[in-house]
Each structure stands twice: as C-alpha cells, then as structure tokens.
Amino acid sequence: MSAISNGTLFVGTSPVQIDGNSNGWSHIHIRNNDTTKTLYIGNSALTTANGLALDKLATIDFDIPPGISFNMVTDAGTCSVSWLRIDH
C-alpha cells in the first residue's frame, strides 16, 4: 500500500528541505504557488545559481530513490510551495 503525504511550505533565501527522506522509492509533485517568484530545486548545497528553476505557478514531478531529499530556495522574499509525495 502506498502512503501519501502533502503540505505547503513558505520558502525563503536559505535552502529548505521538502518533507524529509523516504526509506523507499517515492514520487513527488512540487508546485510553485507564487505569482512573481522563481523557485529553485536541488540538493543541500542548493543556490539560485545552481538550482533547477521552477517558474511561477509551475508544477514539476520527480521519482526519488530511497534516502534522497530535495531542497528549495528562492532569490528574494518568500515563496509559497505545495507538494504531494506518494511512497511506493
């Protein structure tokens, strides 16, 4: 049986981890809810210069191996981000 978790975070200029690490494979949907800011996604060494940009109001999906986590950051202020993770 799959477990589903979800939430909304307010991300600033310091990297924030999305929902911890999973012990098994998981699939995650990430949505940038902000109408003016770009969200950047990456590992714990994430910056706006090396992260994957997620434009305003965009959604992206990832399959995540066990023990791996994603971090998020924005270049100014705060950015609202929603996520939904399905553990397999």
Protein backbone atom coordinates (compact mmCIF):
# COMPACT_ATOMS: atom_id res chain seq x y z
CA MET A 1 0.00 0.00 0.00
CA SER A 2 1.26 3.48 -0.87
CA ALA A 3 1.42 6.27 1.69
CA ILE A 4 0.56 9.79 0.60
CA SER A 5 1.80 12.95 2.33
CA ASN A 6 1.38 16.58 1.35
CA GLY A 7 1.90 20.10 2.59
CA THR A 8 2.61 23.74 1.87
CA LEU A 9 5.85 25.50 2.78
CA PHE A 10 7.00 29.10 2.69
CA VAL A 11 10.49 29.09 1.20
CA GLY A 12 12.97 31.93 1.61
CA THR A 13 16.55 32.63 0.62
CA SER A 14 18.00 29.76 2.71
CA PRO A 15 17.52 26.17 1.45
CA VAL A 16 14.57 24.29 2.97
CA GLN A 17 14.19 20.51 2.71
CA ILE A 18 10.98 19.10 1.27
CA ASP A 19 9.35 16.54 3.58
CA GLY A 20 12.41 14.61 4.80
CA ASN A 21 13.82 11.39 3.35
CA SER A 22 11.90 8.30 2.33
CA ASN A 23 13.02 4.74 3.10
CA GLY A 24 11.76 3.54 -0.29
CA TRP A 25 11.10 4.93 -3.72
CA SER A 26 8.68 7.85 -3.85
CA HIS A 27 7.14 10.18 -6.40
CA ILE A 28 6.81 13.88 -5.61
CA HIS A 29 4.83 16.71 -7.22
CA ILE A 30 6.10 20.23 -6.44
CA ARG A 31 4.12 23.38 -7.30
CA ASN A 32 5.40 26.94 -7.12
CA ASN A 33 2.28 28.79 -5.90
CA ASP A 34 3.88 32.22 -6.19
CA THR A 35 2.77 34.57 -8.98
CA THR A 36 6.01 36.58 -9.12
CA LYS A 37 8.96 34.50 -7.86
CA THR A 38 11.02 31.66 -9.29
CA LEU A 39 11.65 28.62 -7.08
CA TYR A 40 14.95 26.72 -7.29
CA ILE A 41 15.20 22.99 -6.51
CA GLY A 42 18.33 20.95 -5.77
CA ASN A 43 20.42 19.21 -3.11
CA SER A 44 21.61 20.54 0.27
CA ALA A 45 24.26 22.75 -1.45
CA LEU A 46 21.49 24.48 -3.44
CA THR A 47 21.76 28.12 -4.53
CA THR A 48 19.85 30.18 -7.05
CA ALA A 49 22.88 29.86 -9.34
CA ASN A 50 22.99 26.02 -9.40
CA GLY A 51 19.35 25.01 -8.78
CA LEU A 52 16.72 23.84 -11.22
CA ALA A 53 14.41 26.82 -11.81
CA LEU A 54 10.66 26.31 -11.41
CA ASP A 55 8.76 29.28 -12.81
CA LYS A 56 5.81 30.94 -11.10
CA LEU A 57 2.67 28.79 -10.94
CA ALA A 58 4.51 25.81 -12.49
CA THR A 59 4.50 22.17 -11.33
CA ILE A 60 7.23 19.55 -11.65
CA ASP A 61 7.37 15.81 -10.82
CA PHE A 62 10.27 13.63 -9.69
CA ASP A 63 10.83 9.97 -8.82
CA ILE A 64 13.05 9.92 -5.73
CA PRO A 65 15.33 7.00 -4.75
CA PRO A 66 15.48 5.89 -1.09
CA GLY A 67 17.37 8.24 1.23
CA ILE A 68 17.45 11.19 -1.19
CA SER A 69 15.89 14.57 -0.41
CA PHE A 70 15.20 17.78 -2.29
CA ASN A 71 15.77 21.33 -1.12
CA MET A 72 14.16 24.56 -2.31
CA VAL A 73 15.15 28.23 -2.24
CA THR A 74 14.00 31.50 -3.81
CA ASP A 75 16.05 34.55 -4.77
CA ALA A 76 14.13 37.12 -2.67
CA GLY A 77 11.45 37.26 0.00
CA THR A 78 9.33 34.15 0.46
CA CYS A 79 7.63 31.80 -1.98
CA SER A 80 4.64 29.54 -1.28
CA VAL A 81 5.22 25.93 -2.39
CA SER A 82 2.81 22.97 -2.29
CA TRP A 83 3.95 19.35 -2.55
CA LEU A 84 2.44 15.88 -2.65
CA ARG A 85 4.55 12.74 -2.15
CA ILE A 86 3.49 9.15 -2.83
CA ASP A 87 5.70 6.47 -1.23
CA HIS A 88 5.81 3.15 -3.06
